[in-house]
């Protein structure tokens, strides 16, 4: 898939959600960077850390709402969007350009957004999905050949949006900030468009 992105340098700063300067984010970056000085190795380790150590809210049946990178690290749980916010913050804090991407999925019902990440390595953008693995989901860190949690195939009802966003989707932030229970948000209806 051909991704649509701006200059990679635009994807290095933080904001109120992608908290590149949060002390816990900086501490995690320092720990991972000490063991993985190469950018590709660092991103592989950061991806695995977020995918495996931050539980997906639905898989964990944890109703807590997390939005910002710091909230996700503090709670150890989040929906796909929140996990993506953390991974982008970690990448940017380490000097690796990263942005947010979205897919529209249906799961047999109303369409909803799924959040993922794109990282700029080896001169191009690569989408990664830190959602978290479970039976039937095997997302892996790959360059050149995606292995996402929910691959969109020809003939499927899903949509891969090609844009790499500098900031999180306002629809996603509004849905998360307006919810009291992550599990209820997933049942009641996640946003359908970025």
N, C-alpha and C. Protein backbone atom coordinates (compact mmCIF):
# COMPACT_ATOMS: atom_id res chain seq x y z
N UNK A 1 0.83 -1.18 0.00
CA UNK A 1 0.00 0.00 0.00
C UNK A 1 0.88 1.25 0.00
N UNK A 2 0.55 2.19 -0.83
CA UNK A 2 1.28 3.45 -0.92
C UNK A 2 0.74 4.41 0.13
N UNK A 3 1.56 4.75 1.11
CA UNK A 3 1.14 5.66 2.17
C UNK A 3 1.33 7.10 1.75
N UNK A 4 0.49 7.99 2.26
CA UNK A 4 0.54 9.41 1.96
C UNK A 4 0.99 10.14 3.22
N UNK A 5 2.17 10.74 3.15
CA UNK A 5 2.74 11.40 4.33
C UNK A 5 3.48 12.66 3.91
N UNK A 6 3.68 13.53 4.88
CA UNK A 6 4.47 14.72 4.66
C UNK A 6 5.95 14.43 4.87
N UNK A 7 6.72 15.47 5.01
CA UNK A 7 8.15 15.34 5.28
C UNK A 7 8.34 14.60 6.61
N UNK A 8 9.21 13.59 6.65
CA UNK A 8 9.41 12.84 7.89
C UNK A 8 9.73 13.71 9.11
N UNK A 9 10.39 14.85 8.90
CA UNK A 9 10.73 15.72 10.03
C UNK A 9 9.49 16.26 10.73
N UNK A 10 8.35 16.29 10.04
CA UNK A 10 7.09 16.75 10.65
C UNK A 10 6.58 15.75 11.69
N UNK A 11 7.11 14.53 11.67
CA UNK A 11 6.61 13.44 12.50
C UNK A 11 7.55 13.14 13.68
N UNK A 12 8.18 14.19 14.20
CA UNK A 12 9.10 14.01 15.33
C UNK A 12 8.66 14.72 16.60
N UNK A 13 7.74 15.66 16.50
CA UNK A 13 7.31 16.43 17.66
C UNK A 13 6.21 15.75 18.44
N UNK A 14 5.97 16.27 19.63
CA UNK A 14 4.91 15.75 20.47
C UNK A 14 3.72 16.68 20.53
N UNK A 15 2.69 16.22 21.21
CA UNK A 15 1.52 17.03 21.48
C UNK A 15 0.92 16.56 22.80
N UNK A 16 -0.30 16.96 23.10
CA UNK A 16 -0.91 16.62 24.38
C UNK A 16 -1.27 15.15 24.51
N UNK A 17 -1.27 14.41 23.42
CA UNK A 17 -1.57 12.97 23.43
C UNK A 17 -0.30 12.17 23.19
N UNK A 18 0.44 12.54 22.17
CA UNK A 18 1.71 11.88 21.84
C UNK A 18 2.79 12.60 22.66
N UNK A 19 2.91 12.19 23.90
CA UNK A 19 3.73 12.91 24.88
C UNK A 19 5.19 12.47 24.82
N UNK A 20 5.93 13.04 23.88
CA UNK A 20 7.33 12.64 23.71
C UNK A 20 8.20 13.05 24.89
N UNK A 21 7.77 14.04 25.65
CA UNK A 21 8.58 14.51 26.78
C UNK A 21 8.10 13.98 28.13
N UNK A 22 7.13 13.08 28.12
CA UNK A 22 6.66 12.51 29.39
C UNK A 22 7.82 11.73 30.03
N UNK A 23 8.06 11.91 31.34
CA UNK A 23 9.20 11.24 31.98
C UNK A 23 9.19 9.72 31.82
N UNK A 24 8.02 9.09 31.88
CA UNK A 24 7.97 7.63 31.73
C UNK A 24 8.28 7.21 30.30
N UNK A 25 7.87 8.02 29.33
CA UNK A 25 8.21 7.73 27.92
C UNK A 25 9.71 7.86 27.74
N UNK A 26 10.29 8.94 28.27
CA UNK A 26 11.74 9.14 28.15
C UNK A 26 12.52 8.02 28.83
N UNK A 27 12.04 7.55 29.98
CA UNK A 27 12.71 6.45 30.68
C UNK A 27 12.67 5.17 29.87
N UNK A 28 11.51 4.88 29.28
CA UNK A 28 11.39 3.67 28.44
C UNK A 28 12.30 3.78 27.22
N UNK A 29 12.34 4.94 26.60
CA UNK A 29 13.23 5.14 25.44
C UNK A 29 14.68 4.93 25.85
N UNK A 30 15.08 5.48 26.99
CA UNK A 30 16.46 5.30 27.45
C UNK A 30 16.81 3.85 27.66
N UNK A 31 15.90 3.10 28.27
CA UNK A 31 16.12 1.68 28.51
C UNK A 31 16.24 0.89 27.20
N UNK A 32 15.31 1.15 26.28
CA UNK A 32 15.32 0.41 25.01
C UNK A 32 16.49 0.84 24.12
N UNK A 33 16.79 2.13 24.12
CA UNK A 33 17.87 2.64 23.25
C UNK A 33 19.22 2.13 23.73
N UNK A 34 19.41 1.99 25.03
CA UNK A 34 20.68 1.48 25.56
C UNK A 34 20.96 0.07 25.04
N UNK A 35 19.93 -0.71 24.89
CA UNK A 35 20.09 -2.09 24.40
C UNK A 35 20.03 -2.20 22.88
N UNK A 36 19.48 -1.17 22.22
CA UNK A 36 19.25 -1.23 20.77
C UNK A 36 19.61 0.11 20.12
N UNK A 37 20.90 0.40 19.90
CA UNK A 37 21.29 1.70 19.35
C UNK A 37 20.87 1.91 17.89
N UNK A 38 20.72 0.85 17.13
CA UNK A 38 20.30 0.96 15.73
C UNK A 38 18.80 1.26 15.67
N UNK A 39 18.37 2.18 14.78
CA UNK A 39 16.97 2.58 14.71
C UNK A 39 16.03 1.42 14.41
N UNK A 40 16.39 0.55 13.48
CA UNK A 40 15.51 -0.58 13.15
C UNK A 40 15.39 -1.52 14.34
N UNK A 41 16.50 -1.86 14.97
CA UNK A 41 16.45 -2.73 16.14
C UNK A 41 15.68 -2.07 17.28
N UNK A 42 15.88 -0.76 17.45
CA UNK A 42 15.15 -0.04 18.49
C UNK A 42 13.65 -0.12 18.24
N UNK A 43 13.22 0.14 17.01
CA UNK A 43 11.79 0.14 16.71
C UNK A 43 11.21 -1.27 16.84
N UNK A 44 11.97 -2.27 16.47
CA UNK A 44 11.49 -3.65 16.65
C UNK A 44 11.26 -3.93 18.14
N UNK A 45 12.20 -3.50 18.98
CA UNK A 45 12.07 -3.71 20.42
C UNK A 45 10.93 -2.87 21.01
N UNK A 46 10.80 -1.62 20.57
CA UNK A 46 9.73 -0.76 21.07
C UNK A 46 8.37 -1.30 20.67
N UNK A 47 8.26 -1.75 19.43
CA UNK A 47 7.01 -2.35 18.95
C UNK A 47 6.63 -3.55 19.81
N UNK A 48 7.58 -4.47 20.02
CA UNK A 48 7.30 -5.67 20.81
C UNK A 48 6.94 -5.29 22.25
N UNK A 49 7.61 -4.28 22.81
CA UNK A 49 7.32 -3.86 24.18
C UNK A 49 5.87 -3.38 24.30
N UNK A 50 5.46 -2.49 23.40
CA UNK A 50 4.09 -1.96 23.46
C UNK A 50 3.08 -3.05 23.14
N UNK A 51 3.34 -3.83 22.11
CA UNK A 51 2.40 -4.89 21.72
C UNK A 51 2.18 -5.88 22.85
N UNK A 52 3.28 -6.29 23.51
CA UNK A 52 3.21 -7.40 24.46
C UNK A 52 3.03 -6.98 25.93
N UNK A 53 3.50 -5.79 26.29
CA UNK A 53 3.43 -5.40 27.70
C UNK A 53 2.26 -4.51 28.04
N UNK A 54 1.71 -3.85 27.05
CA UNK A 54 0.50 -3.05 27.27
C UNK A 54 -0.67 -3.90 26.78
N UNK A 55 -1.54 -4.26 27.70
CA UNK A 55 -2.66 -5.13 27.33
C UNK A 55 -3.72 -4.36 26.58
N UNK A 56 -4.33 -5.02 25.59
CA UNK A 56 -5.45 -4.42 24.88
C UNK A 56 -6.67 -4.49 25.79
N UNK A 57 -7.39 -3.40 25.92
CA UNK A 57 -8.51 -3.30 26.85
C UNK A 57 -9.52 -4.43 26.70
N UNK A 58 -9.86 -4.77 25.46
CA UNK A 58 -10.87 -5.82 25.24
C UNK A 58 -10.32 -7.18 25.64
N UNK A 59 -9.10 -7.48 25.24
CA UNK A 59 -8.50 -8.77 25.59
C UNK A 59 -8.41 -8.92 27.11
N UNK A 60 -8.07 -7.84 27.79
CA UNK A 60 -7.92 -7.87 29.25
C UNK A 60 -9.25 -7.68 29.98
N UNK A 61 -10.30 -7.34 29.23
CA UNK A 61 -11.60 -7.00 29.83
C UNK A 61 -11.44 -5.92 30.89
N UNK A 62 -10.64 -4.91 30.55
CA UNK A 62 -10.34 -3.80 31.44
C UNK A 62 -11.06 -2.55 30.94
N UNK A 63 -11.98 -2.00 31.71
CA UNK A 63 -12.79 -0.88 31.23
C UNK A 63 -12.10 0.49 31.28
N UNK A 64 -10.90 0.57 31.85
CA UNK A 64 -10.26 1.88 31.99
C UNK A 64 -9.99 2.52 30.63
N UNK A 65 -10.23 3.81 30.58
CA UNK A 65 -9.95 4.59 29.37
C UNK A 65 -8.58 5.22 29.51
N UNK A 66 -7.72 4.98 28.54
CA UNK A 66 -6.43 5.66 28.47
C UNK A 66 -6.34 6.32 27.10
N UNK A 67 -5.70 7.46 27.07
CA UNK A 67 -5.60 8.22 25.82
C UNK A 67 -4.15 8.58 25.52
N UNK A 68 -3.50 9.25 26.47
CA UNK A 68 -2.15 9.77 26.24
C UNK A 68 -1.10 8.69 26.46
N UNK A 69 0.08 8.95 25.95
CA UNK A 69 1.19 8.01 26.14
C UNK A 69 1.45 7.75 27.62
N UNK A 70 1.44 8.80 28.41
CA UNK A 70 1.68 8.65 29.84
C UNK A 70 0.59 7.85 30.54
N UNK A 71 -0.67 8.08 30.16
CA UNK A 71 -1.77 7.32 30.74
C UNK A 71 -1.65 5.84 30.41
N UNK A 72 -1.29 5.54 29.17
CA UNK A 72 -1.16 4.15 28.74
C UNK A 72 -0.04 3.45 29.53
N UNK A 73 1.10 4.12 29.66
CA UNK A 73 2.20 3.54 30.43
C UNK A 73 1.81 3.34 31.89
N UNK A 74 1.13 4.31 32.46
CA UNK A 74 0.75 4.22 33.85
C UNK A 74 -0.24 3.11 34.14
N UNK A 75 -1.20 2.91 33.24
CA UNK A 75 -2.24 1.91 33.45
C UNK A 75 -1.85 0.53 32.92
N UNK A 76 -0.95 0.50 31.92
CA UNK A 76 -0.56 -0.78 31.32
C UNK A 76 -1.63 -1.39 30.45
N UNK A 77 -2.57 -0.55 30.00
CA UNK A 77 -3.69 -1.05 29.20
C UNK A 77 -4.17 0.07 28.28
N UNK A 78 -4.79 -0.31 27.16
CA UNK A 78 -5.37 0.68 26.26
C UNK A 78 -5.97 0.02 25.03
N UNK A 79 -6.85 0.74 24.40
CA UNK A 79 -7.37 0.30 23.10
C UNK A 79 -6.28 0.49 22.05
N UNK A 80 -6.53 0.03 20.84
CA UNK A 80 -5.54 0.13 19.77
C UNK A 80 -5.05 1.56 19.57
N UNK A 81 -5.96 2.53 19.68
CA UNK A 81 -5.57 3.93 19.50
C UNK A 81 -4.55 4.35 20.54
N UNK A 82 -4.85 4.04 21.79
CA UNK A 82 -3.98 4.44 22.89
C UNK A 82 -2.62 3.77 22.79
N UNK A 83 -2.61 2.50 22.43
CA UNK A 83 -1.34 1.79 22.26
C UNK A 83 -0.53 2.43 21.13
N UNK A 84 -1.22 2.86 20.08
CA UNK A 84 -0.55 3.54 18.96
C UNK A 84 0.00 4.88 19.40
N UNK A 85 -0.75 5.62 20.23
CA UNK A 85 -0.25 6.90 20.74
C UNK A 85 1.05 6.70 21.49
N UNK A 86 1.11 5.64 22.30
CA UNK A 86 2.33 5.36 23.05
C UNK A 86 3.49 5.00 22.12
N UNK A 87 3.26 4.10 21.17
CA UNK A 87 4.35 3.69 20.29
C UNK A 87 4.88 4.87 19.47
N UNK A 88 3.99 5.74 19.00
CA UNK A 88 4.44 6.92 18.25
C UNK A 88 5.26 7.83 19.17
N UNK A 89 4.83 8.02 20.41
CA UNK A 89 5.58 8.86 21.34
C UNK A 89 6.97 8.28 21.59
N UNK A 90 7.06 6.98 21.77
CA UNK A 90 8.36 6.33 22.01
C UNK A 90 9.26 6.49 20.80
N UNK A 91 8.72 6.25 19.60
CA UNK A 91 9.52 6.40 18.38
C UNK A 91 10.04 7.82 18.24
N UNK A 92 9.15 8.79 18.36
CA UNK A 92 9.55 10.19 18.19
C UNK A 92 10.55 10.63 19.24
N UNK A 93 10.35 10.20 20.48
CA UNK A 93 11.27 10.57 21.54
C UNK A 93 12.67 10.00 21.28
N UNK A 94 12.74 8.93 20.50
CA UNK A 94 14.03 8.33 20.13
C UNK A 94 14.57 8.88 18.82
N UNK A 95 13.87 9.83 18.21
CA UNK A 95 14.33 10.43 16.97
C UNK A 95 13.92 9.68 15.71
N UNK A 96 12.96 8.77 15.82
CA UNK A 96 12.47 8.03 14.65
C UNK A 96 11.12 8.62 14.24
N UNK A 97 11.00 9.15 13.03
CA UNK A 97 9.71 9.70 12.61
C UNK A 97 8.63 8.62 12.65
N UNK A 98 7.47 8.99 13.20
CA UNK A 98 6.36 8.05 13.30
C UNK A 98 5.05 8.82 13.26
N UNK A 99 4.04 8.20 12.68
CA UNK A 99 2.72 8.81 12.59
C UNK A 99 1.64 7.79 12.85
N UNK A 100 0.43 8.26 12.84
CA UNK A 100 -0.74 7.44 13.13
C UNK A 100 -1.51 7.14 11.85
N UNK A 101 -1.94 5.90 11.72
CA UNK A 101 -2.71 5.44 10.57
C UNK A 101 -4.00 4.79 11.06
N UNK A 102 -4.93 4.66 10.16
CA UNK A 102 -6.22 4.07 10.52
C UNK A 102 -6.72 3.13 9.43
N UNK A 103 -7.47 2.15 9.88
CA UNK A 103 -8.22 1.25 9.00
C UNK A 103 -9.68 1.35 9.41
N UNK A 104 -10.57 1.14 8.44
CA UNK A 104 -11.99 1.01 8.78
C UNK A 104 -12.34 -0.47 8.65
N UNK A 105 -12.82 -1.05 9.73
CA UNK A 105 -13.18 -2.46 9.79
C UNK A 105 -14.68 -2.57 10.02
N UNK A 106 -15.24 -3.77 9.81
CA UNK A 106 -16.68 -3.94 10.03
C UNK A 106 -17.00 -5.02 11.04
N UNK A 107 -16.30 -6.12 11.07
CA UNK A 107 -16.56 -7.21 12.01
C UNK A 107 -18.02 -7.64 11.96
N UNK A 108 -18.63 -7.56 10.77
CA UNK A 108 -20.01 -7.99 10.59
C UNK A 108 -21.06 -6.98 11.00
N UNK A 109 -20.66 -5.86 11.56
CA UNK A 109 -21.62 -4.85 12.00
C UNK A 109 -21.31 -3.49 11.41
N UNK A 110 -21.53 -2.48 12.21
CA UNK A 110 -21.25 -1.11 11.79
C UNK A 110 -19.75 -0.91 11.63
N UNK A 111 -19.33 -0.09 10.67
CA UNK A 111 -17.89 0.15 10.51
C UNK A 111 -17.30 0.90 11.71
N UNK A 112 -16.04 0.62 11.99
CA UNK A 112 -15.34 1.28 13.08
C UNK A 112 -13.87 1.42 12.70
N UNK A 113 -13.20 2.37 13.34
CA UNK A 113 -11.77 2.60 13.08
C UNK A 113 -10.91 1.70 13.92
N UNK A 114 -9.81 1.29 13.33
CA UNK A 114 -8.74 0.60 14.04
C UNK A 114 -7.49 1.46 13.88
N UNK A 115 -6.76 1.66 14.97
CA UNK A 115 -5.57 2.51 14.94
C UNK A 115 -4.29 1.72 14.84
N UNK A 116 -3.37 2.22 14.02
CA UNK A 116 -2.03 1.64 13.90
C UNK A 116 -1.02 2.75 13.72
N UNK A 117 0.20 2.35 13.44
CA UNK A 117 1.35 3.27 13.42
C UNK A 117 2.10 3.10 12.10
N UNK A 118 2.71 4.18 11.63
CA UNK A 118 3.67 4.08 10.53
C UNK A 118 4.99 4.67 11.03
N UNK A 119 6.08 3.98 10.76
CA UNK A 119 7.41 4.46 11.13
C UNK A 119 8.23 4.66 9.87
N UNK A 120 9.09 5.68 9.90
CA UNK A 120 9.92 6.00 8.75
C UNK A 120 11.31 5.42 9.00
N UNK A 121 11.62 4.34 8.30
CA UNK A 121 12.91 3.66 8.42
C UNK A 121 13.41 3.27 7.04
N UNK A 122 14.71 3.29 6.86
CA UNK A 122 15.32 2.89 5.59
C UNK A 122 14.72 3.64 4.39
N UNK A 123 14.39 4.92 4.61
CA UNK A 123 13.95 5.78 3.51
C UNK A 123 12.51 5.63 3.09
N UNK A 124 11.68 4.91 3.88
CA UNK A 124 10.26 4.83 3.53
C UNK A 124 9.42 4.53 4.76
N UNK A 125 8.11 4.69 4.60
CA UNK A 125 7.16 4.46 5.67
C UNK A 125 6.74 2.99 5.72
N UNK A 126 6.58 2.49 6.95
CA UNK A 126 6.19 1.09 7.17
C UNK A 126 5.10 1.07 8.24
N UNK A 127 3.95 0.51 7.92
CA UNK A 127 2.90 0.41 8.94
C UNK A 127 3.17 -0.76 9.89
N UNK A 128 2.86 -0.53 11.15
CA UNK A 128 3.02 -1.53 12.21
C UNK A 128 1.76 -1.50 13.07
N UNK A 129 1.40 -2.63 13.64
CA UNK A 129 0.17 -2.72 14.41
C UNK A 129 0.45 -3.25 15.82
N UNK A 130 0.54 -2.34 16.81
CA UNK A 130 0.86 -2.77 18.18
C UNK A 130 -0.35 -3.23 18.99
N UNK A 131 -1.46 -3.55 18.36
CA UNK A 131 -2.70 -3.90 19.03
C UNK A 131 -2.53 -4.92 20.14
N UNK A 132 -1.75 -5.95 19.87
CA UNK A 132 -1.60 -7.06 20.82
C UNK A 132 -2.11 -8.34 20.19
N UNK A 133 -1.35 -9.40 20.33
CA UNK A 133 -1.71 -10.66 19.70
C UNK A 133 -2.57 -11.51 20.62
N UNK A 134 -3.37 -12.34 20.02
CA UNK A 134 -4.18 -13.35 20.69
C UNK A 134 -4.54 -14.37 19.63
N UNK A 135 -5.31 -15.37 19.97
CA UNK A 135 -5.71 -16.37 18.99
C UNK A 135 -6.34 -15.68 17.79
N UNK A 136 -5.81 -15.95 16.61
CA UNK A 136 -6.32 -15.37 15.38
C UNK A 136 -5.70 -14.03 14.99
N UNK A 137 -4.87 -13.47 15.86
CA UNK A 137 -4.20 -12.20 15.56
C UNK A 137 -2.71 -12.38 15.79
N UNK A 138 -1.92 -12.12 14.75
CA UNK A 138 -0.47 -12.30 14.84
C UNK A 138 0.22 -11.14 14.15
N UNK A 139 0.17 -9.96 14.78
CA UNK A 139 0.85 -8.78 14.23
C UNK A 139 2.33 -8.86 14.58
N UNK A 140 3.17 -8.59 13.58
CA UNK A 140 4.62 -8.65 13.76
C UNK A 140 5.25 -7.39 13.18
N UNK A 141 6.41 -7.04 13.70
CA UNK A 141 7.18 -5.91 13.17
C UNK A 141 7.83 -6.37 11.86
N UNK A 142 7.49 -5.72 10.79
CA UNK A 142 8.03 -6.07 9.48
C UNK A 142 8.35 -4.78 8.71
N UNK A 143 9.42 -4.82 7.94
CA UNK A 143 9.74 -3.75 7.00
C UNK A 143 9.57 -4.33 5.60
N UNK A 144 8.81 -3.65 4.78
CA UNK A 144 8.65 -4.08 3.40
C UNK A 144 7.47 -5.01 3.17
N UNK A 145 7.04 -5.73 4.18
CA UNK A 145 5.87 -6.63 4.05
C UNK A 145 5.09 -6.58 5.35
N UNK A 146 3.93 -5.96 5.32
CA UNK A 146 3.13 -5.77 6.53
C UNK A 146 2.61 -7.09 7.09
N UNK A 147 2.57 -7.14 8.41
CA UNK A 147 1.88 -8.23 9.10
C UNK A 147 1.06 -7.60 10.21
N UNK A 148 -0.12 -7.12 9.81
CA UNK A 148 -1.00 -6.36 10.70
C UNK A 148 -1.98 -7.29 11.41
N UNK A 149 -2.61 -6.78 12.44
CA UNK A 149 -3.63 -7.55 13.17
C UNK A 149 -4.82 -7.86 12.27
N UNK A 150 -5.19 -6.89 11.43
CA UNK A 150 -6.36 -7.04 10.57
C UNK A 150 -5.99 -6.67 9.13
N UNK A 151 -5.40 -7.59 8.40
CA UNK A 151 -5.06 -7.28 7.01
C UNK A 151 -6.33 -7.11 6.17
N UNK A 152 -6.35 -6.07 5.35
CA UNK A 152 -7.46 -5.83 4.44
C UNK A 152 -7.14 -6.56 3.13
N UNK A 153 -8.02 -7.44 2.74
CA UNK A 153 -7.79 -8.23 1.52
C UNK A 153 -8.76 -7.80 0.43
N UNK A 154 -8.43 -8.13 -0.81
CA UNK A 154 -9.33 -7.83 -1.93
C UNK A 154 -10.68 -8.47 -1.67
N UNK A 155 -11.74 -7.70 -1.87
CA UNK A 155 -13.08 -8.22 -1.68
C UNK A 155 -13.61 -8.08 -0.27
N UNK A 156 -12.76 -7.67 0.67
CA UNK A 156 -13.25 -7.49 2.05
C UNK A 156 -13.90 -6.12 2.17
N UNK A 157 -14.69 -5.95 3.21
CA UNK A 157 -15.40 -4.69 3.40
C UNK A 157 -14.54 -3.62 4.05
N UNK A 158 -13.35 -3.96 4.49
CA UNK A 158 -12.50 -3.00 5.18
C UNK A 158 -11.85 -1.99 4.25
N UNK A 159 -11.39 -0.91 4.84
CA UNK A 159 -10.70 0.15 4.09
C UNK A 159 -9.39 0.46 4.80
N UNK A 160 -8.30 0.50 4.05
CA UNK A 160 -7.02 0.99 4.53
C UNK A 160 -6.92 2.46 4.14
N UNK A 161 -6.93 3.34 5.12
CA UNK A 161 -6.73 4.76 4.82
C UNK A 161 -5.23 5.00 4.65
N UNK A 162 -4.81 5.62 3.54
CA UNK A 162 -3.37 5.73 3.25
C UNK A 162 -2.65 6.85 4.00
N UNK A 163 -3.37 7.76 4.63
CA UNK A 163 -2.75 8.92 5.26
C UNK A 163 -1.99 8.54 6.52
N UNK A 164 -0.81 9.14 6.66
CA UNK A 164 -0.04 9.04 7.89
C UNK A 164 -0.22 10.37 8.60
N UNK A 165 -0.91 10.34 9.74
CA UNK A 165 -1.27 11.56 10.46
C UNK A 165 -0.20 11.94 11.48
N UNK A 166 0.07 13.23 11.56
CA UNK A 166 1.00 13.75 12.57
C UNK A 166 0.33 13.69 13.94
N UNK A 167 -0.94 14.03 14.00
CA UNK A 167 -1.69 14.08 15.26
C UNK A 167 -2.80 13.05 15.24
N UNK A 168 -3.24 12.60 16.41
CA UNK A 168 -4.35 11.64 16.47
C UNK A 168 -5.62 12.22 15.86
N UNK A 169 -6.47 11.34 15.37
CA UNK A 169 -7.76 11.73 14.81
C UNK A 169 -8.60 12.44 15.86
N UNK A 170 -9.15 13.62 15.53
CA UNK A 170 -10.05 14.29 16.48
C UNK A 170 -11.27 13.42 16.84
N UNK A 171 -11.76 12.62 15.90
CA UNK A 171 -12.90 11.74 16.18
C UNK A 171 -12.52 10.68 17.23
N UNK A 172 -11.31 10.16 17.12
CA UNK A 172 -10.84 9.17 18.09
C UNK A 172 -10.70 9.80 19.47
N UNK A 173 -10.07 10.96 19.53
CA UNK A 173 -9.87 11.62 20.83
C UNK A 173 -11.21 11.97 21.46
N UNK A 174 -12.15 12.47 20.66
CA UNK A 174 -13.48 12.81 21.20
C UNK A 174 -14.18 11.56 21.74
N UNK A 175 -14.08 10.46 21.02
CA UNK A 175 -14.73 9.21 21.48
C UNK A 175 -14.10 8.72 22.77
N UNK A 176 -12.77 8.73 22.84
CA UNK A 176 -12.09 8.27 24.05
C UNK A 176 -12.39 9.19 25.24
N UNK A 177 -12.28 10.48 25.04
CA UNK A 177 -12.50 11.44 26.12
C UNK A 177 -13.97 11.47 26.56
N UNK A 178 -14.88 11.10 25.66
CA UNK A 178 -16.30 11.10 25.99
C UNK A 178 -16.78 9.81 26.61
N UNK A 179 -15.92 8.82 26.72
CA UNK A 179 -16.32 7.51 27.25
C UNK A 179 -15.90 7.36 28.71
N UNK A 180 -16.63 6.52 29.41
CA UNK A 180 -16.27 6.18 30.80
C UNK A 180 -15.79 4.76 30.92
N UNK A 181 -16.06 3.95 29.88
CA UNK A 181 -15.79 2.52 29.93
C UNK A 181 -15.33 2.08 28.54
N UNK A 182 -14.10 1.58 28.45
CA UNK A 182 -13.55 1.17 27.15
C UNK A 182 -14.35 0.03 26.53
N UNK A 183 -14.81 -0.89 27.36
CA UNK A 183 -15.56 -2.04 26.83
C UNK A 183 -16.92 -1.59 26.29
N UNK A 184 -17.56 -0.68 27.01
CA UNK A 184 -18.84 -0.14 26.55
C UNK A 184 -18.64 0.68 25.27
N UNK A 185 -17.55 1.43 25.18
CA UNK A 185 -17.26 2.19 23.97
C UNK A 185 -17.16 1.25 22.77
N UNK A 186 -16.51 0.12 22.96
CA UNK A 186 -16.38 -0.85 21.86
C UNK A 186 -17.74 -1.44 21.48
N UNK A 187 -18.60 -1.66 22.46
CA UNK A 187 -19.94 -2.20 22.18
C UNK A 187 -20.85 -1.14 21.57
N UNK A 188 -20.76 0.08 22.08
CA UNK A 188 -21.70 1.15 21.69
C UNK A 188 -21.34 1.78 20.35
N UNK A 189 -20.10 1.68 19.98
CA UNK A 189 -19.74 2.24 18.68
C UNK A 189 -18.51 3.12 18.71
N UNK A 190 -17.45 2.61 18.15
CA UNK A 190 -16.22 3.36 17.97
C UNK A 190 -16.40 4.30 16.78
N UNK A 191 -15.57 5.32 16.67
CA UNK A 191 -15.68 6.19 15.48
C UNK A 191 -15.46 5.40 14.20
N UNK A 192 -16.12 5.84 13.13
CA UNK A 192 -16.03 5.12 11.85
C UNK A 192 -15.07 5.78 10.87
N UNK A 193 -14.75 7.05 11.11
CA UNK A 193 -13.85 7.77 10.19
C UNK A 193 -12.81 8.54 11.00
N UNK A 194 -11.64 8.76 10.39
CA UNK A 194 -10.60 9.53 11.10
C UNK A 194 -10.97 10.99 11.26
